[in-house]
């Protein structure tokens, strides 16, 4: 499965957001996702399986619990792919920053009391 197919699903993106805060037990992930999306525990398990099999998440056993964590390697690949497009928004953000700074300077000069 292609990385963007994995990330295209809002449930899987939410699971990755939860895991970005650190290793999480499957039960806690399932509880949060079930409450937010109204899906069943087996459906959450299927999403966790997709994340594992696509390399976005790792799992380790801790007794009877399964602890999930983000595997950053596929995210680095996505980031590398996005790099070629950053110029499209970076220039606009730089221009916005310039305009905001001009506006602040303009407001400062008009707000100063004249002597």
PDB file of N, CA and C in Angstrom:
ATOM      1  N   UNK A   1       0.852  -1.173   0.000  1.00  0.00           N
ATOM      2  CA  UNK A   1       0.000   0.000   0.000  1.00  0.00           C
ATOM      3  C   UNK A   1       0.900   1.239   0.000  1.00  0.00           C
ATOM      4  N   UNK A   2       0.558   2.202  -0.825  1.00  0.00           N
ATOM      5  CA  UNK A   2       1.323   3.446  -0.930  1.00  0.00           C
ATOM      6  C   UNK A   2       1.113   4.292   0.330  1.00  0.00           C
ATOM      7  N   UNK A   3       2.133   5.047   0.690  1.00  0.00           N
ATOM      8  CA  UNK A   3       2.082   5.854   1.915  1.00  0.00           C
ATOM      9  C   UNK A   3       0.867   6.782   1.953  1.00  0.00           C
ATOM     10  N   UNK A   4       0.542   7.381   0.820  1.00  0.00           N
ATOM     11  CA  UNK A   4      -0.587   8.303   0.820  1.00  0.00           C
ATOM     12  C   UNK A   4      -1.923   7.573   0.906  1.00  0.00           C
ATOM     13  N   UNK A   5      -1.968   6.325   0.492  1.00  0.00           N
ATOM     14  CA  UNK A   5      -3.168   5.517   0.708  1.00  0.00           C
ATOM     15  C   UNK A   5      -3.350   5.265   2.205  1.00  0.00           C
ATOM     16  N   UNK A   6      -2.252   5.010   2.871  1.00  0.00           N
ATOM     17  CA  UNK A   6      -2.302   4.787   4.327  1.00  0.00           C
ATOM     18  C   UNK A   6      -2.720   6.072   5.034  1.00  0.00           C
ATOM     19  N   UNK A   7      -2.094   7.183   4.671  1.00  0.00           N
ATOM     20  CA  UNK A   7      -2.352   8.456   5.339  1.00  0.00           C
ATOM     21  C   UNK A   7      -3.656   9.109   4.899  1.00  0.00           C
ATOM     22  N   UNK A   8      -4.242   8.622   3.823  1.00  0.00           N
ATOM     23  CA  UNK A   8      -5.485   9.199   3.323  1.00  0.00           C
ATOM     24  C   UNK A   8      -6.686   8.900   4.193  1.00  0.00           C
ATOM     25  N   UNK A   9      -6.561   7.944   5.077  1.00  0.00           N
ATOM     26  CA  UNK A   9      -7.679   7.571   5.935  1.00  0.00           C
ATOM     27  C   UNK A   9      -7.619   8.365   7.237  1.00  0.00           C
ATOM     28  N   UNK A  10      -8.704   9.072   7.597  1.00  0.00           N
ATOM     29  CA  UNK A  10      -8.674   9.896   8.815  1.00  0.00           C
ATOM     30  C   UNK A  10      -8.496   9.090  10.097  1.00  0.00           C
ATOM     31  N   UNK A  11      -8.962   7.869  10.128  1.00  0.00           N
ATOM     32  CA  UNK A  11      -8.781   7.041  11.333  1.00  0.00           C
ATOM     33  C   UNK A  11      -7.301   6.722  11.511  1.00  0.00           C
ATOM     34  N   UNK A  12      -6.638   6.345  10.434  1.00  0.00           N
ATOM     35  CA  UNK A  12      -5.210   6.025  10.547  1.00  0.00           C
ATOM     36  C   UNK A  12      -4.389   7.262  10.877  1.00  0.00           C
ATOM     37  N   UNK A  13      -4.759   8.404  10.308  1.00  0.00           N
ATOM     38  CA  UNK A  13      -4.052   9.638  10.668  1.00  0.00           C
ATOM     39  C   UNK A  13      -4.224   9.929  12.150  1.00  0.00           C
ATOM     40  N   UNK A  14      -5.425   9.731  12.673  1.00  0.00           N
ATOM     41  CA  UNK A  14      -5.673   9.990  14.101  1.00  0.00           C
ATOM     42  C   UNK A  14      -4.871   9.039  14.972  1.00  0.00           C
ATOM     43  N   UNK A  15      -4.804   7.780  14.562  1.00  0.00           N
ATOM     44  CA  UNK A  15      -4.001   6.817  15.324  1.00  0.00           C
ATOM     45  C   UNK A  15      -2.545   7.268  15.354  1.00  0.00           C
ATOM     46  N   UNK A  16      -2.023   7.707  14.225  1.00  0.00           N
ATOM     47  CA  UNK A  16      -0.634   8.186  14.199  1.00  0.00           C
ATOM     48  C   UNK A  16      -0.456   9.414  15.087  1.00  0.00           C
ATOM     49  N   UNK A  17      -1.451  10.286  15.117  1.00  0.00           N
ATOM     50  CA  UNK A  17      -1.378  11.444  16.015  1.00  0.00           C
ATOM     51  C   UNK A  17      -1.292  10.993  17.471  1.00  0.00           C
ATOM     52  N   UNK A  18      -2.095  10.015  17.820  1.00  0.00           N
ATOM     53  CA  UNK A  18      -2.053   9.491  19.192  1.00  0.00           C
ATOM     54  C   UNK A  18      -0.695   8.877  19.498  1.00  0.00           C
ATOM     55  N   UNK A  19      -0.158   8.143  18.546  1.00  0.00           N
ATOM     56  CA  UNK A  19       1.136   7.479  18.756  1.00  0.00           C
ATOM     57  C   UNK A  19       2.293   8.462  18.729  1.00  0.00           C
ATOM     58  N   UNK A  20       2.096   9.618  18.120  1.00  0.00           N
ATOM     59  CA  UNK A  20       3.165  10.627  18.085  1.00  0.00           C
ATOM     60  C   UNK A  20       3.502  11.124  19.489  1.00  0.00           C
ATOM     61  N   UNK A  21       2.555  10.987  20.408  1.00  0.00           N
ATOM     62  CA  UNK A  21       2.797  11.393  21.798  1.00  0.00           C
ATOM     63  C   UNK A  21       3.613  10.364  22.558  1.00  0.00           C
ATOM     64  N   UNK A  22       3.889   9.225  21.939  1.00  0.00           N
ATOM     65  CA  UNK A  22       4.666   8.164  22.581  1.00  0.00           C
ATOM     66  C   UNK A  22       3.934   6.837  22.486  1.00  0.00           C
ATOM     67  N   UNK A  23       4.628   5.815  22.879  1.00  0.00           N
ATOM     68  CA  UNK A  23       4.096   4.455  22.822  1.00  0.00           C
ATOM     69  C   UNK A  23       2.758   4.371  23.567  1.00  0.00           C
ATOM     70  N   UNK A  24       1.797   3.695  22.953  1.00  0.00           N
ATOM     71  CA  UNK A  24       0.454   3.594  23.535  1.00  0.00           C
ATOM     72  C   UNK A  24      -0.026   2.147  23.510  1.00  0.00           C
ATOM     73  N   UNK A  25      -0.732   1.713  24.547  1.00  0.00           N
ATOM     74  CA  UNK A  25      -1.333   0.378  24.502  1.00  0.00           C
ATOM     75  C   UNK A  25      -2.477   0.348  23.486  1.00  0.00           C
ATOM     76  N   UNK A  26      -2.637  -0.795  22.825  1.00  0.00           N
ATOM     77  CA  UNK A  26      -3.686  -0.941  21.820  1.00  0.00           C
ATOM     78  C   UNK A  26      -5.051  -0.592  22.397  1.00  0.00           C
ATOM     79  N   UNK A  27      -5.309  -0.965  23.642  1.00  0.00           N
ATOM     80  CA  UNK A  27      -6.598  -0.685  24.271  1.00  0.00           C
ATOM     81  C   UNK A  27      -6.894   0.800  24.374  1.00  0.00           C
ATOM     82  N   UNK A  28      -5.885   1.577  24.738  1.00  0.00           N
ATOM     83  CA  UNK A  28      -6.076   3.020  24.871  1.00  0.00           C
ATOM     84  C   UNK A  28      -6.316   3.665  23.509  1.00  0.00           C
ATOM     85  N   UNK A  29      -5.558   3.220  22.512  1.00  0.00           N
ATOM     86  CA  UNK A  29      -5.746   3.733  21.152  1.00  0.00           C
ATOM     87  C   UNK A  29      -7.159   3.394  20.682  1.00  0.00           C
ATOM     88  N   UNK A  30      -7.541   2.146  20.880  1.00  0.00           N
ATOM     89  CA  UNK A  30      -8.857   1.682  20.455  1.00  0.00           C
ATOM     90  C   UNK A  30      -9.972   2.469  21.136  1.00  0.00           C
ATOM     91  N   UNK A  31      -9.840   2.689  22.423  1.00  0.00           N
ATOM     92  CA  UNK A  31     -10.864   3.419  23.178  1.00  0.00           C
ATOM     93  C   UNK A  31     -11.048   4.830  22.629  1.00  0.00           C
ATOM     94  N   UNK A  32      -9.953   5.528  22.392  1.00  0.00           N
ATOM     95  CA  UNK A  32     -10.023   6.896  21.881  1.00  0.00           C
ATOM     96  C   UNK A  32     -10.634   6.930  20.489  1.00  0.00           C
ATOM     97  N   UNK A  33     -10.144   6.065  19.617  1.00  0.00           N
ATOM     98  CA  UNK A  33     -10.608   6.062  18.234  1.00  0.00           C
ATOM     99  C   UNK A  33     -12.076   5.644  18.146  1.00  0.00           C
ATOM    100  N   UNK A  34     -12.447   4.662  18.931  1.00  0.00           N
ATOM    101  CA  UNK A  34     -13.853   4.225  18.928  1.00  0.00           C
ATOM    102  C   UNK A  34     -14.772   5.359  19.361  1.00  0.00           C
ATOM    103  N   UNK A  35     -14.365   6.101  20.382  1.00  0.00           N
ATOM    104  CA  UNK A  35     -15.173   7.218  20.870  1.00  0.00           C
ATOM    105  C   UNK A  35     -15.263   8.345  19.837  1.00  0.00           C
ATOM    106  N   UNK A  36     -14.169   8.624  19.159  1.00  0.00           N
ATOM    107  CA  UNK A  36     -14.139   9.740  18.215  1.00  0.00           C
ATOM    108  C   UNK A  36     -14.796   9.417  16.878  1.00  0.00           C
ATOM    109  N   UNK A  37     -14.662   8.168  16.426  1.00  0.00           N
ATOM    110  CA  UNK A  37     -15.148   7.812  15.090  1.00  0.00           C
ATOM    111  C   UNK A  37     -16.367   6.895  15.106  1.00  0.00           C
ATOM    112  N   UNK A  38     -16.713   6.374  16.281  1.00  0.00           N
ATOM    113  CA  UNK A  38     -17.870   5.497  16.365  1.00  0.00           C
ATOM    114  C   UNK A  38     -17.719   4.195  15.607  1.00  0.00           C
ATOM    115  N   UNK A  39     -16.499   3.657  15.592  1.00  0.00           N
ATOM    116  CA  UNK A  39     -16.259   2.394  14.899  1.00  0.00           C
ATOM    117  C   UNK A  39     -16.002   1.295  15.931  1.00  0.00           C
ATOM    118  N   UNK A  40     -16.061   0.064  15.478  1.00  0.00           N
ATOM    119  CA  UNK A  40     -15.901  -1.084  16.380  1.00  0.00           C
ATOM    120  C   UNK A  40     -14.433  -1.340  16.710  1.00  0.00           C
ATOM    121  N   UNK A  41     -14.211  -2.108  17.760  1.00  0.00           N
ATOM    122  CA  UNK A  41     -12.850  -2.493  18.139  1.00  0.00           C
ATOM    123  C   UNK A  41     -12.179  -3.290  17.024  1.00  0.00           C
ATOM    124  N   UNK A  42     -12.866  -4.249  16.362  1.00  0.00           N
ATOM    125  CA  UNK A  42     -12.216  -4.951  15.248  1.00  0.00           C
ATOM    126  C   UNK A  42     -11.818  -4.015  14.103  1.00  0.00           C
ATOM    127  N   UNK A  43     -12.601  -2.959  13.881  1.00  0.00           N
ATOM    128  CA  UNK A  43     -12.248  -1.993  12.831  1.00  0.00           C
ATOM    129  C   UNK A  43     -10.973  -1.238  13.214  1.00  0.00           C
ATOM    130  N   UNK A  44     -10.858  -0.861  14.480  1.00  0.00           N
ATOM    131  CA  UNK A  44      -9.635  -0.188  14.944  1.00  0.00           C
ATOM    132  C   UNK A  44      -8.448  -1.139  14.794  1.00  0.00           C
ATOM    133  N   UNK A  45      -8.642  -2.387  15.159  1.00  0.00           N
ATOM    134  CA  UNK A  45      -7.569  -3.383  15.018  1.00  0.00           C
ATOM    135  C   UNK A  45      -7.125  -3.507  13.572  1.00  0.00           C
ATOM    136  N   UNK A  46      -8.073  -3.438  12.655  1.00  0.00           N
ATOM    137  CA  UNK A  46      -7.731  -3.521  11.227  1.00  0.00           C
ATOM    138  C   UNK A  46      -6.881  -2.320  10.811  1.00  0.00           C
ATOM    139  N   UNK A  47      -7.223  -1.140  11.299  1.00  0.00           N
ATOM    140  CA  UNK A  47      -6.422   0.052  10.990  1.00  0.00           C
ATOM    141  C   UNK A  47      -5.016  -0.074  11.585  1.00  0.00           C
ATOM    142  N   UNK A  48      -4.921  -0.586  12.798  1.00  0.00           N
ATOM    143  CA  UNK A  48      -3.601  -0.798  13.411  1.00  0.00           C
ATOM    144  C   UNK A  48      -2.790  -1.796  12.582  1.00  0.00           C
ATOM    145  N   UNK A  49      -3.443  -2.810  12.075  1.00  0.00           N
ATOM    146  CA  UNK A  49      -2.769  -3.808  11.234  1.00  0.00           C
ATOM    147  C   UNK A  49      -2.231  -3.161   9.959  1.00  0.00           C
ATOM    148  N   UNK A  50      -3.026  -2.319   9.338  1.00  0.00           N
ATOM    149  CA  UNK A  50      -2.574  -1.617   8.126  1.00  0.00           C
ATOM    150  C   UNK A  50      -1.354  -0.757   8.440  1.00  0.00           C
ATOM    151  N   UNK A  51      -1.397  -0.050   9.561  1.00  0.00           N
ATOM    152  CA  UNK A  51      -0.250   0.785   9.949  1.00  0.00           C
ATOM    153  C   UNK A  51       0.995  -0.062  10.202  1.00  0.00           C
ATOM    154  N   UNK A  52       0.821  -1.207  10.844  1.00  0.00           N
ATOM    155  CA  UNK A  52       1.949  -2.118  11.091  1.00  0.00           C
ATOM    156  C   UNK A  52       2.512  -2.646   9.778  1.00  0.00           C
ATOM    157  N   UNK A  53       1.634  -3.180   8.943  1.00  0.00           N
ATOM    158  CA  UNK A  53       2.083  -3.830   7.702  1.00  0.00           C
ATOM    159  C   UNK A  53       2.680  -2.836   6.707  1.00  0.00           C
ATOM    160  N   UNK A  54       2.276  -1.587   6.786  1.00  0.00           N
ATOM    161  CA  UNK A  54       2.826  -0.575   5.883  1.00  0.00           C
ATOM    162  C   UNK A  54       4.071   0.085   6.468  1.00  0.00           C
ATOM    163  N   UNK A  55       4.420  -0.274   7.704  1.00  0.00           N
ATOM    164  CA  UNK A  55       5.642   0.230   8.317  1.00  0.00           C
ATOM    165  C   UNK A  55       5.493   1.529   9.087  1.00  0.00           C
ATOM    166  N   UNK A  56       4.289   2.055   9.202  1.00  0.00           N
ATOM    167  CA  UNK A  56       4.089   3.315   9.919  1.00  0.00           C
ATOM    168  C   UNK A  56       4.067   3.136  11.428  1.00  0.00           C
ATOM    169  N   UNK A  57       3.803   1.919  11.887  1.00  0.00           N
ATOM    170  CA  UNK A  57       3.729   1.666  13.326  1.00  0.00           C
ATOM    171  C   UNK A  57       4.444   0.362  13.646  1.00  0.00           C
ATOM    172  N   UNK A  58       4.960   0.321  14.856  1.00  0.00           N
ATOM    173  CA  UNK A  58       5.564  -0.913  15.362  1.00  0.00           C
ATOM    174  C   UNK A  58       4.736  -1.367  16.560  1.00  0.00           C
ATOM    175  N   UNK A  59       4.853  -2.636  16.883  1.00  0.00           N
ATOM    176  CA  UNK A  59       4.129  -3.167  18.035  1.00  0.00           C
ATOM    177  C   UNK A  59       5.081  -4.068  18.804  1.00  0.00           C
ATOM    178  N   UNK A  60       4.946  -4.027  20.112  1.00  0.00           N
ATOM    179  CA  UNK A  60       5.718  -4.934  20.953  1.00  0.00           C
ATOM    180  C   UNK A  60       4.822  -5.434  22.072  1.00  0.00           C
ATOM    181  N   UNK A  61       5.085  -6.651  22.469  1.00  0.00           N
ATOM    182  CA  UNK A  61       4.298  -7.254  23.545  1.00  0.00           C
ATOM    183  C   UNK A  61       4.885  -6.837  24.890  1.00  0.00           C
ATOM    184  N   UNK A  62       4.000  -6.559  25.812  1.00  0.00           N
ATOM    185  CA  UNK A  62       4.370  -6.279  27.193  1.00  0.00           C
ATOM    186  C   UNK A  62       3.383  -7.067  28.050  1.00  0.00           C
ATOM    187  N   UNK A  63       3.726  -8.321  28.306  1.00  0.00           N
ATOM    188  CA  UNK A  63       2.772  -9.217  28.962  1.00  0.00           C
ATOM    189  C   UNK A  63       1.623  -9.483  28.017  1.00  0.00           C
ATOM    190  N   UNK A  64       0.422  -9.174  28.482  1.00  0.00           N
ATOM    191  CA  UNK A  64      -0.756  -9.389  27.633  1.00  0.00           C
ATOM    192  C   UNK A  64      -1.104  -8.152  26.802  1.00  0.00           C
ATOM    193  N   UNK A  65      -0.420  -7.049  27.050  1.00  0.00           N
ATOM    194  CA  UNK A  65      -0.698  -5.811  26.309  1.00  0.00           C
ATOM    195  C   UNK A  65       0.140  -5.746  25.039  1.00  0.00           C
ATOM    196  N   UNK A  66      -0.379  -5.032  24.054  1.00  0.00           N
ATOM    197  CA  UNK A  66       0.353  -4.738  22.834  1.00  0.00           C
ATOM    198  C   UNK A  66       0.564  -3.234  22.806  1.00  0.00           C
ATOM    199  N   UNK A  67       1.834  -2.837  22.749  1.00  0.00           N
ATOM    200  CA  UNK A  67       2.178  -1.415  22.755  1.00  0.00           C
ATOM    201  C   UNK A  67       2.570  -0.984  21.351  1.00  0.00           C
ATOM    202  N   UNK A  68       1.914   0.058  20.879  1.00  0.00           N
ATOM    203  CA  UNK A  68       2.160   0.574  19.534  1.00  0.00           C
ATOM    204  C   UNK A  68       2.965   1.862  19.607  1.00  0.00           C
ATOM    205  N   UNK A  69       3.789   2.060  18.578  1.00  0.00           N
ATOM    206  CA  UNK A  69       4.588   3.280  18.468  1.00  0.00           C
ATOM    207  C   UNK A  69       4.715   3.643  16.992  1.00  0.00           C
ATOM    208  N   UNK A  70       5.007   4.903  16.734  1.00  0.00           N
ATOM    209  CA  UNK A  70       5.228   5.369  15.366  1.00  0.00           C
ATOM    210  C   UNK A  70       6.597   4.891  14.900  1.00  0.00           C
ATOM    211  N   UNK A  71       6.661   4.457  13.660  1.00  0.00           N
ATOM    212  CA  UNK A  71       7.942   4.204  13.000  1.00  0.00           C
ATOM    213  C   UNK A  71       8.115   5.352  12.015  1.00  0.00           C
ATOM    214  N   UNK A  72       9.119   6.162  12.214  1.00  0.00           N
ATOM    215  CA  UNK A  72       9.277   7.398  11.449  1.00  0.00           C
ATOM    216  C   UNK A  72       9.775   7.196  10.026  1.00  0.00           C
ATOM    217  N   UNK A  73      10.314   6.054   9.688  1.00  0.00           N
ATOM    218  CA  UNK A  73      10.905   5.858   8.356  1.00  0.00           C
ATOM    219  C   UNK A  73       9.938   6.196   7.224  1.00  0.00           C
ATOM    220  N   UNK A  74       8.712   5.663   7.203  1.00  0.00           N
ATOM    221  CA  UNK A  74       7.812   6.021   6.099  1.00  0.00           C
ATOM    222  C   UNK A  74       7.433   7.501   6.105  1.00  0.00           C
ATOM    223  N   UNK A  75       7.386   8.107   7.285  1.00  0.00           N
ATOM    224  CA  UNK A  75       7.075   9.534   7.355  1.00  0.00           C
ATOM    225  C   UNK A  75       8.216  10.359   6.768  1.00  0.00           C
ATOM    226  N   UNK A  76       9.443   9.910   6.941  1.00  0.00           N
ATOM    227  CA  UNK A  76      10.585  10.595   6.319  1.00  0.00           C
ATOM    228  C   UNK A  76      10.499  10.498   4.802  1.00  0.00           C
ATOM    229  N   UNK A  77      10.041   9.356   4.305  1.00  0.00           N
ATOM    230  CA  UNK A  77       9.870   9.199   2.857  1.00  0.00           C
ATOM    231  C   UNK A  77       8.796  10.155   2.335  1.00  0.00           C
ATOM    232  N   UNK A  78       7.708  10.296   3.061  1.00  0.00           N
ATOM    233  CA  UNK A  78       6.652  11.235   2.679  1.00  0.00           C
ATOM    234  C   UNK A  78       7.203  12.654   2.709  1.00  0.00           C
ATOM    235  N   UNK A  79       7.954  12.977   3.753  1.00  0.00           N
ATOM    236  CA  UNK A  79       8.554  14.302   3.878  1.00  0.00           C
ATOM    237  C   UNK A  79       9.495  14.577   2.704  1.00  0.00           C
ATOM    238  N   UNK A  80      10.294  13.603   2.314  1.00  0.00           N
ATOM    239  CA  UNK A  80      11.207  13.768   1.181  1.00  0.00           C
ATOM    240  C   UNK A  80      10.416  14.014  -0.104  1.00  0.00           C
ATOM    241  N   UNK A  81       9.307  13.312  -0.280  1.00  0.00           N
ATOM    242  CA  UNK A  81       8.485  13.498  -1.472  1.00  0.00           C
ATOM    243  C   UNK A  81       7.881  14.903  -1.484  1.00  0.00           C
ATOM    244  N   UNK A  82       7.437  15.377  -0.314  1.00  0.00           N
ATOM    245  CA  UNK A  82       6.834  16.704  -0.212  1.00  0.00           C
ATOM    246  C   UNK A  82       7.847  17.831  -0.427  1.00  0.00           C
ATOM    247  N   UNK A  83       9.119  17.541  -0.210  1.00  0.00           N
ATOM    248  CA  UNK A  83      10.163  18.561  -0.312  1.00  0.00           C
ATOM    249  C   UNK A  83      10.090  19.319  -1.636  1.00  0.00           C
ATOM    250  N   UNK A  84       9.823  18.626  -2.709  1.00  0.00           N
ATOM    251  CA  UNK A  84       9.789  19.276  -4.025  1.00  0.00           C
ATOM    252  C   UNK A  84       8.656  20.282  -4.137  1.00  0.00           C
ATOM    253  N   UNK A  85       7.673  20.223  -3.255  1.00  0.00           N
ATOM    254  CA  UNK A  85       6.527  21.118  -3.313  1.00  0.00           C
ATOM    255  C   UNK A  85       6.588  22.245  -2.286  1.00  0.00           C
ATOM    256  N   UNK A  86       7.538  22.187  -1.381  1.00  0.00           N
ATOM    257  CA  UNK A  86       7.600  23.186  -0.305  1.00  0.00           C
ATOM    258  C   UNK A  86       7.772  24.596  -0.839  1.00  0.00           C
ATOM    259  N   UNK A  87       8.443  24.734  -1.947  1.00  0.00           N
ATOM    260  CA  UNK A  87       8.641  26.063  -2.526  1.00  0.00           C
ATOM    261  C   UNK A  87       7.340  26.768  -2.841  1.00  0.00           C
ATOM    262  N   UNK A  88       6.299  26.008  -3.142  1.00  0.00           N
ATOM    263  CA  UNK A  88       5.019  26.612  -3.464  1.00  0.00           C
ATOM    264  C   UNK A  88       4.431  27.365  -2.282  1.00  0.00           C
ATOM    265  N   UNK A  89       4.592  26.809  -1.087  1.00  0.00           N
ATOM    266  CA  UNK A  89       4.015  27.519   0.054  1.00  0.00           C
ATOM    267  C   UNK A  89       5.063  28.302   0.832  1.00  0.00           C
ATOM    268  N   UNK A  90       6.333  27.924   0.742  1.00  0.00           N
ATOM    269  CA  UNK A  90       7.366  28.637   1.499  1.00  0.00           C
ATOM    270  C   UNK A  90       7.488  30.082   1.030  1.00  0.00           C
ATOM    271  N   UNK A  91       7.455  30.307  -0.292  1.00  0.00           N
ATOM    272  CA  UNK A  91       7.550  31.671  -0.811  1.00  0.00           C
ATOM    273  C   UNK A  91       6.365  32.502  -0.356  1.00  0.00           C
ATOM    274  N   UNK A  92       5.190  31.902  -0.374  1.00  0.00           N
ATOM    275  CA  UNK A  92       3.990  32.641   0.038  1.00  0.00           C
ATOM    276  C   UNK A  92       4.034  32.960   1.530  1.00  0.00           C
ATOM    277  N   UNK A  93       4.543  32.025   2.324  1.00  0.00           N
ATOM    278  CA  UNK A  93       4.654  32.288   3.758  1.00  0.00           C
ATOM    279  C   UNK A  93       5.686  33.369   4.025  1.00  0.00           C
ATOM    280  N   UNK A  94       6.784  33.362   3.280  1.00  0.00           N
ATOM    281  CA  UNK A  94       7.785  34.418   3.424  1.00  0.00           C
ATOM    282  C   UNK A  94       7.189  35.775   3.070  1.00  0.00           C
ATOM    283  N   UNK A  95       6.411  35.802   1.978  1.00  0.00           N
ATOM    284  CA  UNK A  95       5.774  37.054   1.556  1.00  0.00           C
ATOM    285  C   UNK A  95       4.769  37.514   2.604  1.00  0.00           C
ATOM    286  N   UNK A  96       4.019  36.603   3.161  1.00  0.00           N
ATOM    287  CA  UNK A  96       3.068  36.948   4.215  1.00  0.00           C
ATOM    288  C   UNK A  96       3.800  37.535   5.414  1.00  0.00           C
ATOM    289  N   UNK A  97       4.912  36.923   5.793  1.00  0.00           N
ATOM    290  CA  UNK A  97       5.712  37.434   6.906  1.00  0.00           C
ATOM    291  C   UNK A  97       6.189  38.852   6.655  1.00  0.00           C
ATOM    292  N   UNK A  98       6.608  39.122   5.429  1.00  0.00           N
ATOM    293  CA  UNK A  98       7.052  40.467   5.064  1.00  0.00           C
ATOM    294  C   UNK A  98       5.904  41.462   5.188  1.00  0.00           C
ATOM    295  N   UNK A  99       4.737  41.101   4.661  1.00  0.00           N
ATOM    296  CA  UNK A  99       3.574  41.996   4.730  1.00  0.00           C
ATOM    297  C   UNK A  99       3.130  42.239   6.164  1.00  0.00           C
ATOM    298  N   UNK A 100       3.166  41.205   6.988  1.00  0.00           N
ATOM    299  CA  UNK A 100       2.804  41.381   8.403  1.00  0.00           C
ATOM    300  C   UNK A 100       3.770  42.336   9.097  1.00  0.00           C
ATOM    301  N   UNK A 101       5.050  42.187   8.798  1.00  0.00           N
ATOM    302  CA  UNK A 101       6.048  43.085   9.398  1.00  0.00           C
ATOM    303  C   UNK A 101       5.823  44.519   8.943  1.00  0.00           C
ATOM    304  N   UNK A 102       5.503  44.712   7.666  1.00  0.00           N
ATOM    305  CA  UNK A 102       5.221  46.069   7.163  1.00  0.00           C
ATOM    306  C   UNK A 102       4.014  46.658   7.872  1.00  0.00           C
ATOM    307  N   UNK A 103       2.984  45.833   8.051  1.00  0.00           N
ATOM    308  CA  UNK A 103       1.777  46.316   8.734  1.00  0.00           C
ATOM    309  C   UNK A 103       2.066  46.737  10.159  1.00  0.00           C
ATOM    310  N   UNK A 104       2.894  45.968  10.859  1.00  0.00           N
ATOM    311  CA  UNK A 104       3.252  46.313  12.243  1.00  0.00           C
ATOM    312  C   UNK A 104       4.019  47.621  12.276  1.00  0.00           C
ATOM    313  N   UNK A 105       4.981  47.781  11.346  1.00  0.00           N
ATOM    314  CA  UNK A 105       5.755  49.030  11.305  1.00  0.00           C
ATOM    315  C   UNK A 105       4.852  50.208  10.992  1.00  0.00           C
ATOM    316  N   UNK A 106       3.912  49.994  10.080  1.00  0.00           N
ATOM    317  CA  UNK A 106       3.003  51.065   9.689  1.00  0.00           C
ATOM    318  C   UNK A 106       2.109  51.463  10.863  1.00  0.00           C
ATOM    319  N   UNK A 107       1.583  50.489  11.582  1.00  0.00           N
ATOM    320  CA  UNK A 107       0.732  50.781  12.741  1.00  0.00           C
ATOM    321  C   UNK A 107       1.539  51.477  13.829  1.00  0.00           C
ATOM    322  N   UNK A 108       2.783  51.028  14.025  1.00  0.00           N
ATOM    323  CA  UNK A 108       3.635  51.631  15.069  1.00  0.00           C
ATOM    324  C   UNK A 108       3.874  53.097  14.776  1.00  0.00           C
ATOM    325  N   UNK A 109       4.142  53.411  13.532  1.00  0.00           N
ATOM    326  CA  UNK A 109       4.462  54.803  13.196  1.00  0.00           C
ATOM    327  C   UNK A 109       3.234  55.687  13.286  1.00  0.00           C
ATOM    328  N   UNK A 110       2.043  55.171  13.027  1.00  0.00           N
ATOM    329  CA  UNK A 110       0.831  56.003  13.117  1.00  0.00           C
ATOM    330  C   UNK A 110       0.328  56.114  14.549  1.00  0.00           C
ATOM    331  N   UNK A 111       0.730  55.200  15.428  1.00  0.00           N
ATOM    332  CA  UNK A 111       0.259  55.224  16.807  1.00  0.00           C
ATOM    333  C   UNK A 111       1.147  56.070  17.706  1.00  0.00           C
ATOM    334  N   UNK A 112       2.340  56.432  17.232  1.00  0.00           N
ATOM    335  CA  UNK A 112       3.238  57.245  18.053  1.00  0.00           C
ATOM    336  C   UNK A 112       2.674  58.665  18.193  1.00  0.00           C
ATOM    337  N   UNK A 113       2.693  59.170  19.426  1.00  0.00           N
ATOM    338  CA  UNK A 113       2.225  60.572  19.594  1.00  0.00           C
ATOM    339  C   UNK A 113       3.218  61.523  18.966  1.00  0.00           C
ATOM    340  N   UNK A 114       2.684  62.569  18.328  1.00  0.00           N
ATOM    341  CA  UNK A 114       3.589  63.543  17.735  1.00  0.00           C
ATOM    342  C   UNK A 114       3.975  64.575  18.771  1.00  0.00           C
ATOM    343  N   UNK A 115       5.212  65.022  18.666  1.00  0.00           N
ATOM    344  CA  UNK A 115       5.708  65.990  19.641  1.00  0.00           C
ATOM    345  C   UNK A 115       5.649  67.370  19.127  1.00  0.00           C
TER     346      UNK A 115
END
